[in-house]
Amino acid sequence: MGVDLVWQPSLFDEGAPAVEVDPDFHGLVRHELGSGAWVDLVPGWLRGADELFARLLRSTPWAQRDIRMYERVLPEPRLTHRWTVDQGLPEPVFAEAARLLSERYGEEFTQVGANLYRDGADSVAWHGDRVAREMDTALVGLVSLGGVRPFRLRPHGGGASVGFLPGPGDLLVMGGTCQRTWQHSVPKVRSASARISVQFRHAYEGRP
């Protein structure tokens, strides 16, 4: 599926010489959510975010999945693609990011996915990672590229939500019981530039 979108590069990333990640996770702040759930946020973890955004936008074979909503099957309001480390990754920085996340968090990150939110109408509803929400603890890392969109979390079943605004190159890691006891979403907004969320997931023992 070809994608041709208008987006505004970040002024802070202009002229970045390389696409690379910070091995030291400078500026990491942990946010305790309660019930054993937490979120780590690392501003500017990935350098060269605009260059990576442009490359992924051009080269990724984006597809729109069907999802079940109540008793209907509808097209998901975003485009996606998935890779695995053992099958090869399209960008060297993905392998380096997976290695660094594995070393820091003690889990082997083996899957990389990308979600494209083309405009403010693209979104994802409240949910926990489908497999990880059945586990006691799990980790999901997200790197934001392109436009800034609200990323919200709330206790499973409802309640007061908390929000983050990850910018280009920011890393957000959901950990502990987050997938089981909390839900997250990217809500629709009136207007937004295109955004890509790059996801890193680790192997789940006994599960595909």
N, C-alpha and C. Protein backbone atom coordinates (compact mmCIF):
# COMPACT_ATOMS: atom_id res chain seq x y z
N MET A 1 0.85 -1.19 0.00
CA MET A 1 0.00 0.00 0.00
C MET A 1 0.89 1.24 0.00
N GLY A 2 0.84 2.04 -1.04
CA GLY A 2 1.66 3.24 -1.09
C GLY A 2 1.10 4.32 -0.18
N VAL A 3 1.97 5.08 0.44
CA VAL A 3 1.55 6.12 1.36
C VAL A 3 2.28 7.41 1.01
N ASP A 4 1.54 8.48 0.79
CA ASP A 4 2.12 9.78 0.48
C ASP A 4 1.47 10.79 1.39
N LEU A 5 2.18 11.19 2.46
CA LEU A 5 1.61 12.07 3.46
C LEU A 5 2.47 13.32 3.61
N VAL A 6 1.82 14.38 4.02
CA VAL A 6 2.53 15.62 4.32
C VAL A 6 2.85 15.63 5.81
N TRP A 7 4.09 15.95 6.16
CA TRP A 7 4.47 16.02 7.57
C TRP A 7 5.53 17.09 7.74
N GLN A 8 5.64 17.59 8.96
CA GLN A 8 6.57 18.67 9.29
C GLN A 8 7.74 18.13 10.09
N PRO A 9 8.96 18.12 9.51
CA PRO A 9 10.11 17.64 10.28
C PRO A 9 10.35 18.48 11.54
N SER A 10 10.96 17.85 12.55
CA SER A 10 11.27 18.54 13.79
C SER A 10 12.43 19.49 13.58
N LEU A 11 12.31 20.69 14.14
CA LEU A 11 13.40 21.65 14.06
C LEU A 11 14.63 21.17 14.82
N PHE A 12 14.42 20.37 15.86
CA PHE A 12 15.53 19.91 16.68
C PHE A 12 16.32 18.80 16.02
N ASP A 13 15.77 18.15 15.03
CA ASP A 13 16.42 17.01 14.41
C ASP A 13 17.07 17.37 13.08
N GLU A 14 16.99 18.64 12.70
CA GLU A 14 17.48 19.07 11.40
C GLU A 14 18.97 18.82 11.28
N GLY A 15 19.37 18.17 10.18
CA GLY A 15 20.78 17.95 9.94
C GLY A 15 21.40 16.85 10.77
N ALA A 16 20.60 16.00 11.41
CA ALA A 16 21.17 14.92 12.21
C ALA A 16 22.02 14.01 11.33
N PRO A 17 23.28 13.72 11.72
CA PRO A 17 24.18 12.99 10.84
C PRO A 17 23.91 11.49 10.76
N ALA A 18 23.20 10.93 11.72
CA ALA A 18 23.01 9.48 11.72
C ALA A 18 21.76 9.13 12.50
N VAL A 19 21.21 7.95 12.20
CA VAL A 19 20.09 7.41 12.97
C VAL A 19 20.68 6.45 13.99
N GLU A 20 20.58 6.80 15.26
CA GLU A 20 21.20 6.00 16.31
C GLU A 20 20.45 6.18 17.62
N VAL A 21 20.66 5.24 18.54
CA VAL A 21 20.00 5.30 19.84
C VAL A 21 21.04 5.49 20.93
N ASP A 22 20.59 6.06 22.06
CA ASP A 22 21.47 6.36 23.19
C ASP A 22 21.68 5.11 24.04
N PRO A 23 22.88 4.55 24.07
CA PRO A 23 23.11 3.32 24.84
C PRO A 23 22.99 3.50 26.34
N ASP A 24 23.06 4.75 26.81
CA ASP A 24 23.02 5.02 28.24
C ASP A 24 21.65 5.42 28.76
N PHE A 25 20.66 5.55 27.87
CA PHE A 25 19.29 5.89 28.28
C PHE A 25 19.28 7.17 29.13
N HIS A 26 20.02 8.19 28.69
CA HIS A 26 20.08 9.45 29.45
C HIS A 26 18.69 10.07 29.58
N GLY A 27 18.40 10.58 30.76
CA GLY A 27 17.14 11.27 31.00
C GLY A 27 15.97 10.36 31.32
N LEU A 28 16.21 9.07 31.51
CA LEU A 28 15.12 8.13 31.79
C LEU A 28 14.41 8.50 33.09
N VAL A 29 13.08 8.55 33.02
CA VAL A 29 12.24 8.80 34.21
C VAL A 29 11.20 7.71 34.28
N ARG A 30 11.10 7.06 35.45
CA ARG A 30 10.08 6.02 35.64
C ARG A 30 8.84 6.63 36.31
N HIS A 31 7.67 6.29 35.75
CA HIS A 31 6.39 6.73 36.29
C HIS A 31 5.67 5.50 36.83
N GLU A 32 5.48 5.44 38.14
CA GLU A 32 4.76 4.34 38.76
C GLU A 32 3.26 4.58 38.63
N LEU A 33 2.55 3.62 38.05
CA LEU A 33 1.12 3.77 37.80
C LEU A 33 0.26 3.14 38.89
N GLY A 34 0.83 2.22 39.65
CA GLY A 34 0.06 1.49 40.65
C GLY A 34 -0.28 0.09 40.17
N SER A 35 -0.61 -0.79 41.11
CA SER A 35 -0.94 -2.19 40.83
C SER A 35 0.21 -2.91 40.14
N GLY A 36 1.45 -2.47 40.39
CA GLY A 36 2.62 -3.12 39.81
C GLY A 36 2.96 -2.69 38.40
N ALA A 37 2.26 -1.69 37.88
CA ALA A 37 2.50 -1.21 36.52
C ALA A 37 3.37 0.05 36.55
N TRP A 38 4.19 0.20 35.53
CA TRP A 38 5.03 1.39 35.41
C TRP A 38 5.30 1.73 33.96
N VAL A 39 5.71 2.97 33.73
CA VAL A 39 6.11 3.45 32.40
C VAL A 39 7.43 4.18 32.53
N ASP A 40 8.41 3.80 31.71
CA ASP A 40 9.67 4.53 31.59
C ASP A 40 9.58 5.44 30.37
N LEU A 41 10.06 6.68 30.51
CA LEU A 41 10.09 7.61 29.39
C LEU A 41 11.51 8.15 29.24
N VAL A 42 12.04 8.06 28.01
CA VAL A 42 13.39 8.55 27.71
C VAL A 42 13.28 9.54 26.56
N PRO A 43 13.31 10.86 26.84
CA PRO A 43 13.21 11.84 25.76
C PRO A 43 14.42 11.77 24.83
N GLY A 44 14.15 11.83 23.53
CA GLY A 44 15.22 11.89 22.55
C GLY A 44 16.14 10.69 22.53
N TRP A 45 15.62 9.50 22.86
CA TRP A 45 16.46 8.31 22.90
C TRP A 45 17.02 7.98 21.52
N LEU A 46 16.22 8.21 20.47
CA LEU A 46 16.66 7.93 19.11
C LEU A 46 16.99 9.24 18.40
N ARG A 47 18.21 9.33 17.90
CA ARG A 47 18.64 10.50 17.14
C ARG A 47 18.42 10.22 15.65
N GLY A 48 18.07 11.27 14.90
CA GLY A 48 17.77 11.09 13.49
C GLY A 48 16.36 10.60 13.25
N ALA A 49 15.44 10.98 14.13
CA ALA A 49 14.06 10.49 14.06
C ALA A 49 13.37 10.89 12.76
N ASP A 50 13.63 12.09 12.25
CA ASP A 50 12.97 12.52 11.02
C ASP A 50 13.45 11.72 9.82
N GLU A 51 14.76 11.43 9.76
CA GLU A 51 15.29 10.63 8.67
C GLU A 51 14.68 9.22 8.70
N LEU A 52 14.59 8.62 9.88
CA LEU A 52 14.01 7.29 9.99
C LEU A 52 12.54 7.30 9.62
N PHE A 53 11.82 8.33 10.05
CA PHE A 53 10.40 8.45 9.70
C PHE A 53 10.23 8.45 8.19
N ALA A 54 11.02 9.26 7.49
CA ALA A 54 10.89 9.38 6.04
C ALA A 54 11.20 8.05 5.36
N ARG A 55 12.22 7.35 5.83
CA ARG A 55 12.58 6.07 5.21
C ARG A 55 11.49 5.03 5.42
N LEU A 56 10.98 4.94 6.65
CA LEU A 56 9.93 3.95 6.93
C LEU A 56 8.66 4.26 6.15
N LEU A 57 8.32 5.53 6.04
CA LEU A 57 7.12 5.93 5.31
C LEU A 57 7.19 5.46 3.86
N ARG A 58 8.40 5.56 3.27
CA ARG A 58 8.57 5.18 1.86
C ARG A 58 8.66 3.67 1.67
N SER A 59 9.38 2.98 2.55
CA SER A 59 9.78 1.61 2.25
C SER A 59 8.94 0.52 2.92
N THR A 60 8.16 0.85 3.93
CA THR A 60 7.40 -0.18 4.65
C THR A 60 6.19 -0.63 3.84
N PRO A 61 5.97 -1.94 3.72
CA PRO A 61 4.77 -2.43 3.02
C PRO A 61 3.54 -2.34 3.92
N TRP A 62 3.05 -1.14 4.12
CA TRP A 62 1.95 -0.90 5.04
C TRP A 62 0.70 -1.66 4.62
N ALA A 63 -0.05 -2.14 5.59
CA ALA A 63 -1.30 -2.84 5.33
C ALA A 63 -2.30 -2.47 6.41
N GLN A 64 -3.57 -2.56 6.07
CA GLN A 64 -4.65 -2.28 7.02
C GLN A 64 -5.31 -3.59 7.43
N ARG A 65 -5.24 -3.91 8.72
CA ARG A 65 -5.82 -5.15 9.21
C ARG A 65 -7.30 -4.98 9.52
N ASP A 66 -8.00 -6.10 9.55
CA ASP A 66 -9.38 -6.11 10.02
C ASP A 66 -9.39 -6.48 11.49
N ILE A 67 -10.22 -5.83 12.28
CA ILE A 67 -10.35 -6.12 13.70
C ILE A 67 -11.81 -6.34 14.04
N ARG A 68 -12.03 -7.15 15.09
CA ARG A 68 -13.40 -7.41 15.53
C ARG A 68 -13.78 -6.39 16.59
N MET A 69 -14.84 -5.66 16.35
CA MET A 69 -15.39 -4.70 17.30
C MET A 69 -16.79 -5.15 17.66
N TYR A 70 -16.93 -5.68 18.88
CA TYR A 70 -18.20 -6.23 19.32
C TYR A 70 -18.60 -7.35 18.36
N GLU A 71 -19.66 -7.22 17.60
CA GLU A 71 -20.09 -8.29 16.70
C GLU A 71 -19.79 -7.99 15.24
N ARG A 72 -18.96 -6.98 14.99
CA ARG A 72 -18.65 -6.61 13.61
C ARG A 72 -17.15 -6.70 13.38
N VAL A 73 -16.77 -6.92 12.12
CA VAL A 73 -15.37 -6.88 11.70
C VAL A 73 -15.17 -5.63 10.86
N LEU A 74 -14.25 -4.77 11.31
CA LEU A 74 -14.05 -3.48 10.67
C LEU A 74 -12.58 -3.27 10.35
N PRO A 75 -12.26 -2.43 9.36
CA PRO A 75 -10.86 -2.10 9.09
C PRO A 75 -10.27 -1.28 10.24
N GLU A 76 -9.10 -1.67 10.70
CA GLU A 76 -8.44 -0.95 11.79
C GLU A 76 -8.05 0.46 11.31
N PRO A 77 -8.33 1.50 12.10
CA PRO A 77 -8.05 2.87 11.66
C PRO A 77 -6.58 3.27 11.82
N ARG A 78 -5.68 2.49 11.24
CA ARG A 78 -4.26 2.78 11.15
C ARG A 78 -3.66 1.71 10.24
N LEU A 79 -2.42 1.93 9.79
CA LEU A 79 -1.72 0.95 8.96
C LEU A 79 -0.59 0.33 9.78
N THR A 80 -0.25 -0.93 9.49
CA THR A 80 0.73 -1.63 10.32
C THR A 80 1.65 -2.50 9.47
N HIS A 81 2.74 -2.93 10.10
CA HIS A 81 3.61 -3.97 9.55
C HIS A 81 4.44 -4.53 10.71
N ARG A 82 4.88 -5.80 10.59
CA ARG A 82 5.65 -6.47 11.64
C ARG A 82 6.87 -7.16 11.05
N TRP A 83 7.97 -7.17 11.83
CA TRP A 83 9.18 -7.91 11.48
C TRP A 83 9.62 -8.72 12.70
N THR A 84 10.48 -9.72 12.48
CA THR A 84 11.13 -10.43 13.59
C THR A 84 12.63 -10.32 13.41
N VAL A 85 13.36 -10.31 14.52
CA VAL A 85 14.80 -10.13 14.48
C VAL A 85 15.46 -11.25 13.69
N ASP A 86 15.01 -12.51 13.86
CA ASP A 86 15.67 -13.63 13.20
C ASP A 86 15.42 -13.65 11.69
N GLN A 87 14.39 -12.99 11.22
CA GLN A 87 14.10 -12.93 9.79
C GLN A 87 14.74 -11.72 9.12
N GLY A 88 15.34 -10.83 9.92
CA GLY A 88 15.97 -9.65 9.37
C GLY A 88 15.11 -8.41 9.55
N LEU A 89 15.75 -7.29 9.85
CA LEU A 89 15.07 -6.03 10.09
C LEU A 89 15.46 -5.02 9.01
N PRO A 90 14.57 -4.10 8.65
CA PRO A 90 14.83 -3.19 7.54
C PRO A 90 15.81 -2.07 7.89
N GLU A 91 16.04 -1.82 9.18
CA GLU A 91 16.91 -0.73 9.60
C GLU A 91 17.91 -1.24 10.64
N PRO A 92 19.21 -0.97 10.46
CA PRO A 92 20.20 -1.41 11.46
C PRO A 92 19.90 -0.89 12.86
N VAL A 93 19.31 0.29 12.97
CA VAL A 93 19.04 0.86 14.29
C VAL A 93 18.00 0.02 15.04
N PHE A 94 17.14 -0.71 14.33
CA PHE A 94 16.17 -1.57 15.01
C PHE A 94 16.88 -2.67 15.78
N ALA A 95 17.88 -3.29 15.14
CA ALA A 95 18.62 -4.36 15.81
C ALA A 95 19.38 -3.81 17.02
N GLU A 96 19.97 -2.63 16.89
CA GLU A 96 20.70 -2.03 18.01
C GLU A 96 19.74 -1.67 19.13
N ALA A 97 18.59 -1.12 18.80
CA ALA A 97 17.60 -0.78 19.82
C ALA A 97 17.12 -2.02 20.55
N ALA A 98 16.84 -3.10 19.81
CA ALA A 98 16.40 -4.35 20.44
C ALA A 98 17.47 -4.90 21.37
N ARG A 99 18.74 -4.81 20.95
CA ARG A 99 19.84 -5.30 21.79
C ARG A 99 19.94 -4.50 23.08
N LEU A 100 19.87 -3.18 22.98
CA LEU A 100 19.99 -2.34 24.17
C LEU A 100 18.80 -2.53 25.12
N LEU A 101 17.60 -2.65 24.57
CA LEU A 101 16.43 -2.90 25.42
C LEU A 101 16.55 -4.26 26.11
N SER A 102 17.05 -5.25 25.39
CA SER A 102 17.23 -6.58 25.99
C SER A 102 18.21 -6.53 27.15
N GLU A 103 19.32 -5.82 26.96
CA GLU A 103 20.34 -5.72 28.02
C GLU A 103 19.80 -4.97 29.23
N ARG A 104 19.06 -3.91 29.00
CA ARG A 104 18.61 -3.09 30.13
C ARG A 104 17.50 -3.76 30.93
N TYR A 105 16.56 -4.41 30.23
CA TYR A 105 15.37 -4.92 30.89
C TYR A 105 15.38 -6.42 31.13
N GLY A 106 16.43 -7.11 30.68
CA GLY A 106 16.58 -8.52 30.99
C GLY A 106 15.64 -9.44 30.26
N GLU A 107 15.11 -9.02 29.13
CA GLU A 107 14.28 -9.86 28.27
C GLU A 107 14.81 -9.75 26.84
N GLU A 108 14.67 -10.82 26.06
CA GLU A 108 15.15 -10.80 24.68
C GLU A 108 14.06 -10.24 23.77
N PHE A 109 14.28 -9.04 23.27
CA PHE A 109 13.32 -8.41 22.37
C PHE A 109 13.51 -8.98 20.96
N THR A 110 12.49 -9.65 20.45
CA THR A 110 12.61 -10.40 19.20
C THR A 110 11.68 -9.93 18.10
N GLN A 111 10.76 -9.03 18.39
CA GLN A 111 9.79 -8.58 17.40
C GLN A 111 9.78 -7.06 17.32
N VAL A 112 9.67 -6.56 16.11
CA VAL A 112 9.58 -5.12 15.87
C VAL A 112 8.36 -4.88 14.98
N GLY A 113 7.54 -3.94 15.38
CA GLY A 113 6.36 -3.58 14.59
C GLY A 113 6.32 -2.09 14.37
N ALA A 114 5.55 -1.67 13.38
CA ALA A 114 5.38 -0.25 13.12
C ALA A 114 3.90 0.03 12.87
N ASN A 115 3.39 1.07 13.50
CA ASN A 115 2.02 1.51 13.30
C ASN A 115 2.04 2.92 12.72
N LEU A 116 1.33 3.13 11.64
CA LEU A 116 1.26 4.44 10.99
C LEU A 116 -0.11 5.06 11.24
N TYR A 117 -0.09 6.21 11.91
CA TYR A 117 -1.29 7.02 12.11
C TYR A 117 -1.23 8.15 11.08
N ARG A 118 -2.04 8.05 10.04
CA ARG A 118 -1.91 8.96 8.91
C ARG A 118 -2.36 10.38 9.22
N ASP A 119 -3.35 10.52 10.09
CA ASP A 119 -3.87 11.82 10.47
C ASP A 119 -4.60 11.67 11.79
N GLY A 120 -5.30 12.72 12.22
CA GLY A 120 -5.97 12.68 13.51
C GLY A 120 -7.11 11.68 13.59
N ALA A 121 -7.63 11.23 12.44
CA ALA A 121 -8.73 10.25 12.45
C ALA A 121 -8.23 8.83 12.72
N ASP A 122 -6.96 8.56 12.46
CA ASP A 122 -6.40 7.24 12.79
C ASP A 122 -6.18 7.15 14.30
N SER A 123 -6.41 5.96 14.86
CA SER A 123 -6.38 5.83 16.31
C SER A 123 -6.28 4.36 16.69
N VAL A 124 -6.16 4.10 18.00
CA VAL A 124 -6.31 2.75 18.52
C VAL A 124 -7.06 2.85 19.84
N ALA A 125 -8.07 1.99 20.01
CA ALA A 125 -8.93 2.05 21.18
C ALA A 125 -8.24 1.48 22.41
N TRP A 126 -8.86 1.65 23.57
CA TRP A 126 -8.32 1.13 24.82
C TRP A 126 -8.09 -0.38 24.71
N HIS A 127 -6.89 -0.82 25.11
CA HIS A 127 -6.57 -2.25 25.04
C HIS A 127 -5.30 -2.52 25.84
N GLY A 128 -5.04 -3.80 26.11
CA GLY A 128 -3.75 -4.28 26.56
C GLY A 128 -3.21 -5.20 25.49
N ASP A 129 -1.90 -5.35 25.41
CA ASP A 129 -1.30 -6.24 24.41
C ASP A 129 -1.96 -7.61 24.50
N ARG A 130 -2.43 -8.15 23.37
CA ARG A 130 -3.33 -9.31 23.37
C ARG A 130 -2.76 -10.51 24.12
N VAL A 131 -1.49 -10.84 23.91
CA VAL A 131 -0.89 -11.98 24.61
C VAL A 131 -0.40 -11.57 25.99
N ALA A 132 0.26 -10.41 26.07
CA ALA A 132 0.89 -10.01 27.32
C ALA A 132 -0.12 -9.73 28.43
N ARG A 133 -1.34 -9.40 28.09
CA ARG A 133 -2.32 -9.08 29.15
C ARG A 133 -2.72 -10.31 29.94
N GLU A 134 -2.34 -11.51 29.47
CA GLU A 134 -2.60 -12.74 30.21
C GLU A 134 -1.42 -13.14 31.09
N MET A 135 -0.31 -12.37 31.04
CA MET A 135 0.89 -12.70 31.79
C MET A 135 0.99 -11.83 33.03
N ASP A 136 1.72 -12.30 34.04
CA ASP A 136 1.90 -11.50 35.25
C ASP A 136 2.59 -10.18 34.93
N THR A 137 3.69 -10.26 34.18
CA THR A 137 4.42 -9.06 33.80
C THR A 137 4.87 -9.18 32.35
N ALA A 138 5.06 -8.07 31.69
CA ALA A 138 5.53 -8.05 30.31
C ALA A 138 6.08 -6.66 30.01
N LEU A 139 6.83 -6.55 28.91
CA LEU A 139 7.43 -5.29 28.49
C LEU A 139 7.06 -4.99 27.05
N VAL A 140 6.72 -3.74 26.78
CA VAL A 140 6.51 -3.26 25.42
C VAL A 140 7.20 -1.91 25.30
N GLY A 141 8.13 -1.79 24.34
CA GLY A 141 8.83 -0.52 24.11
C GLY A 141 8.28 0.16 22.87
N LEU A 142 8.10 1.48 22.93
CA LEU A 142 7.57 2.26 21.82
C LEU A 142 8.51 3.43 21.53
N VAL A 143 8.87 3.62 20.27
CA VAL A 143 9.63 4.78 19.85
C VAL A 143 8.75 5.59 18.90
N SER A 144 8.55 6.87 19.20
CA SER A 144 7.68 7.72 18.39
C SER A 144 8.49 8.44 17.30
N LEU A 145 7.88 8.53 16.13
CA LEU A 145 8.46 9.25 15.00
C LEU A 145 7.38 10.12 14.38
N GLY A 146 7.77 11.26 13.84
CA GLY A 146 6.80 12.11 13.15
C GLY A 146 6.01 12.98 14.11
N GLY A 147 4.71 13.13 13.85
CA GLY A 147 3.88 14.03 14.63
C GLY A 147 3.67 13.56 16.07
N VAL A 148 3.29 14.50 16.92
CA VAL A 148 3.05 14.21 18.34
C VAL A 148 1.57 13.91 18.53
N ARG A 149 1.30 12.74 19.15
CA ARG A 149 -0.07 12.35 19.45
C ARG A 149 -0.17 11.99 20.93
N PRO A 150 -1.31 12.27 21.56
CA PRO A 150 -1.50 11.85 22.95
C PRO A 150 -1.45 10.32 23.07
N PHE A 151 -0.78 9.85 24.11
CA PHE A 151 -0.74 8.42 24.45
C PHE A 151 -1.28 8.31 25.86
N ARG A 152 -2.40 7.61 26.03
CA ARG A 152 -3.09 7.61 27.31
C ARG A 152 -3.16 6.21 27.90
N LEU A 153 -3.16 6.15 29.24
CA LEU A 153 -3.31 4.89 29.96
C LEU A 153 -4.36 5.06 31.04
N ARG A 154 -5.12 3.97 31.32
CA ARG A 154 -6.10 3.99 32.40
C ARG A 154 -6.14 2.60 33.03
N PRO A 155 -6.59 2.50 34.28
CA PRO A 155 -6.72 1.18 34.90
C PRO A 155 -7.66 0.29 34.09
N HIS A 156 -7.35 -1.00 34.06
CA HIS A 156 -8.20 -1.94 33.33
C HIS A 156 -9.62 -1.89 33.89
N GLY A 157 -10.58 -1.75 33.00
CA GLY A 157 -11.97 -1.66 33.42
C GLY A 157 -12.46 -0.24 33.59
N GLY A 158 -11.57 0.73 33.45
CA GLY A 158 -11.98 2.13 33.55
C GLY A 158 -11.40 2.83 34.76
N GLY A 159 -11.51 4.14 34.78
CA GLY A 159 -10.96 4.95 35.86
C GLY A 159 -10.21 6.13 35.30
N ALA A 160 -9.66 6.95 36.18
CA ALA A 160 -8.93 8.14 35.77
C ALA A 160 -7.72 7.74 34.92
N SER A 161 -7.50 8.45 33.82
CA SER A 161 -6.40 8.13 32.92
C SER A 161 -5.23 9.08 33.14
N VAL A 162 -4.06 8.65 32.68
CA VAL A 162 -2.87 9.50 32.67
C VAL A 162 -2.40 9.58 31.23
N GLY A 163 -1.73 10.66 30.89
CA GLY A 163 -1.35 10.86 29.50
C GLY A 163 0.10 11.29 29.33
N PHE A 164 0.65 10.94 28.17
CA PHE A 164 1.99 11.35 27.77
C PHE A 164 1.90 11.92 26.35
N LEU A 165 2.87 12.76 26.00
CA LEU A 165 2.96 13.32 24.65
C LEU A 165 4.35 13.03 24.09
N PRO A 166 4.64 11.76 23.76
CA PRO A 166 5.97 11.45 23.25
C PRO A 166 6.25 12.12 21.92
N GLY A 167 7.42 12.77 21.84
CA GLY A 167 7.82 13.46 20.63
C GLY A 167 8.74 12.62 19.78
N PRO A 168 9.20 13.15 18.65
CA PRO A 168 10.06 12.40 17.74
C PRO A 168 11.32 11.88 18.43
N GLY A 169 11.53 10.57 18.38
CA GLY A 169 12.71 9.96 18.98
C GLY A 169 12.55 9.56 20.42
N ASP A 170 11.44 9.90 21.07
CA ASP A 170 11.23 9.54 22.47
C ASP A 170 10.92 8.04 22.60
N LEU A 171 11.45 7.45 23.66
CA LEU A 171 11.18 6.04 23.98
C LEU A 171 10.23 5.97 25.16
N LEU A 172 9.20 5.15 25.04
CA LEU A 172 8.27 4.88 26.13
C LEU A 172 8.20 3.37 26.31
N VAL A 173 8.47 2.90 27.53
CA VAL A 173 8.45 1.47 27.83
C VAL A 173 7.37 1.21 28.87
N MET A 174 6.42 0.35 28.54
CA MET A 174 5.41 -0.09 29.50
C MET A 174 5.88 -1.40 30.11
N GLY A 175 5.90 -1.46 31.44
CA GLY A 175 6.44 -2.64 32.08
C GLY A 175 5.67 -3.06 33.31
N GLY A 176 6.18 -4.09 33.99
CA GLY A 176 5.49 -4.64 35.14
C GLY A 176 4.17 -5.26 34.70
N THR A 177 3.11 -4.96 35.43
CA THR A 177 1.79 -5.52 35.12
C THR A 177 0.99 -4.64 34.15
N CYS A 178 1.66 -3.71 33.48
CA CYS A 178 0.95 -2.68 32.70
C CYS A 178 -0.04 -3.27 31.70
N GLN A 179 0.36 -4.33 30.97
CA GLN A 179 -0.53 -4.88 29.95
C GLN A 179 -1.73 -5.60 30.57
N ARG A 180 -1.60 -6.06 31.81
CA ARG A 180 -2.66 -6.82 32.46
C ARG A 180 -3.57 -5.95 33.30
N THR A 181 -3.02 -4.96 34.00
CA THR A 181 -3.82 -4.17 34.94
C THR A 181 -4.18 -2.79 34.41
N TRP A 182 -3.57 -2.38 33.29
CA TRP A 182 -3.87 -1.09 32.68
C TRP A 182 -4.17 -1.29 31.20
N GLN A 183 -4.81 -0.31 30.60
CA GLN A 183 -5.05 -0.27 29.17
C GLN A 183 -4.43 1.01 28.60
N HIS A 184 -4.12 0.99 27.30
CA HIS A 184 -3.57 2.20 26.69
C HIS A 184 -4.28 2.46 25.36
N SER A 185 -4.19 3.70 24.89
CA SER A 185 -4.86 4.07 23.65
C SER A 185 -4.16 5.27 23.02
N VAL A 186 -4.39 5.43 21.72
CA VAL A 186 -4.04 6.65 20.99
C VAL A 186 -5.37 7.19 20.46
N PRO A 187 -5.96 8.17 21.13
CA PRO A 187 -7.31 8.62 20.75
C PRO A 187 -7.30 9.47 19.48
N LYS A 188 -8.46 9.54 18.86
CA LYS A 188 -8.62 10.44 17.72
C LYS A 188 -8.46 11.89 18.18
N VAL A 189 -7.96 12.73 17.29
CA VAL A 189 -7.84 14.17 17.57
C VAL A 189 -8.34 14.93 16.33
N ARG A 190 -8.61 16.20 16.53
CA ARG A 190 -9.18 16.99 15.44
C ARG A 190 -8.22 17.10 14.26
N SER A 191 -6.96 17.33 14.54
CA SER A 191 -5.97 17.49 13.47
C SER A 191 -4.62 17.03 13.98
N ALA A 192 -3.85 16.32 13.13
CA ALA A 192 -2.54 15.83 13.54
C ALA A 192 -1.71 15.49 12.32
N SER A 193 -0.40 15.68 12.44
CA SER A 193 0.53 15.23 11.41
C SER A 193 0.67 13.71 11.50
N ALA A 194 1.18 13.11 10.44
CA ALA A 194 1.39 11.67 10.43
C ALA A 194 2.39 11.27 11.50
N ARG A 195 2.16 10.12 12.11
CA ARG A 195 3.03 9.60 13.17
C ARG A 195 3.26 8.11 12.96
N ILE A 196 4.48 7.65 13.22
CA ILE A 196 4.80 6.24 13.23
C ILE A 196 5.23 5.85 14.64
N SER A 197 4.64 4.80 15.16
CA SER A 197 5.04 4.23 16.44
C SER A 197 5.76 2.92 16.16
N VAL A 198 7.04 2.84 16.53
CA VAL A 198 7.82 1.62 16.35
C VAL A 198 7.79 0.84 17.66
N GLN A 199 7.34 -0.40 17.62
CA GLN A 199 7.13 -1.20 18.82
C GLN A 199 8.16 -2.32 18.92
N PHE A 200 8.65 -2.53 20.13
CA PHE A 200 9.59 -3.62 20.41
C PHE A 200 8.96 -4.53 21.45
N ARG A 201 8.87 -5.84 21.12
CA ARG A 201 8.29 -6.81 22.04
C ARG A 201 9.27 -7.95 22.26
N HIS A 202 9.23 -8.51 23.46
CA HIS A 202 10.12 -9.62 23.77
C HIS A 202 9.40 -10.95 23.55
N ALA A 203 10.17 -12.04 23.55
CA ALA A 203 9.60 -13.38 23.39
C ALA A 203 8.80 -13.73 24.64
N TYR A 204 7.63 -14.31 24.44
CA TYR A 204 6.78 -14.75 25.55
C TYR A 204 6.93 -16.25 25.67
N GLU A 205 7.44 -16.71 26.80
CA GLU A 205 7.74 -18.13 27.00
C GLU A 205 6.50 -18.99 26.77
N GLY A 206 6.66 -20.00 25.89
CA GLY A 206 5.57 -20.93 25.63
C GLY A 206 4.51 -20.39 24.71
N ARG A 207 4.76 -19.19 24.12
CA ARG A 207 3.77 -18.59 23.23
C ARG A 207 4.45 -18.18 21.94
N PRO A 208 3.71 -18.19 20.79
CA PRO A 208 4.30 -17.80 19.52
C PRO A 208 4.60 -16.32 19.48
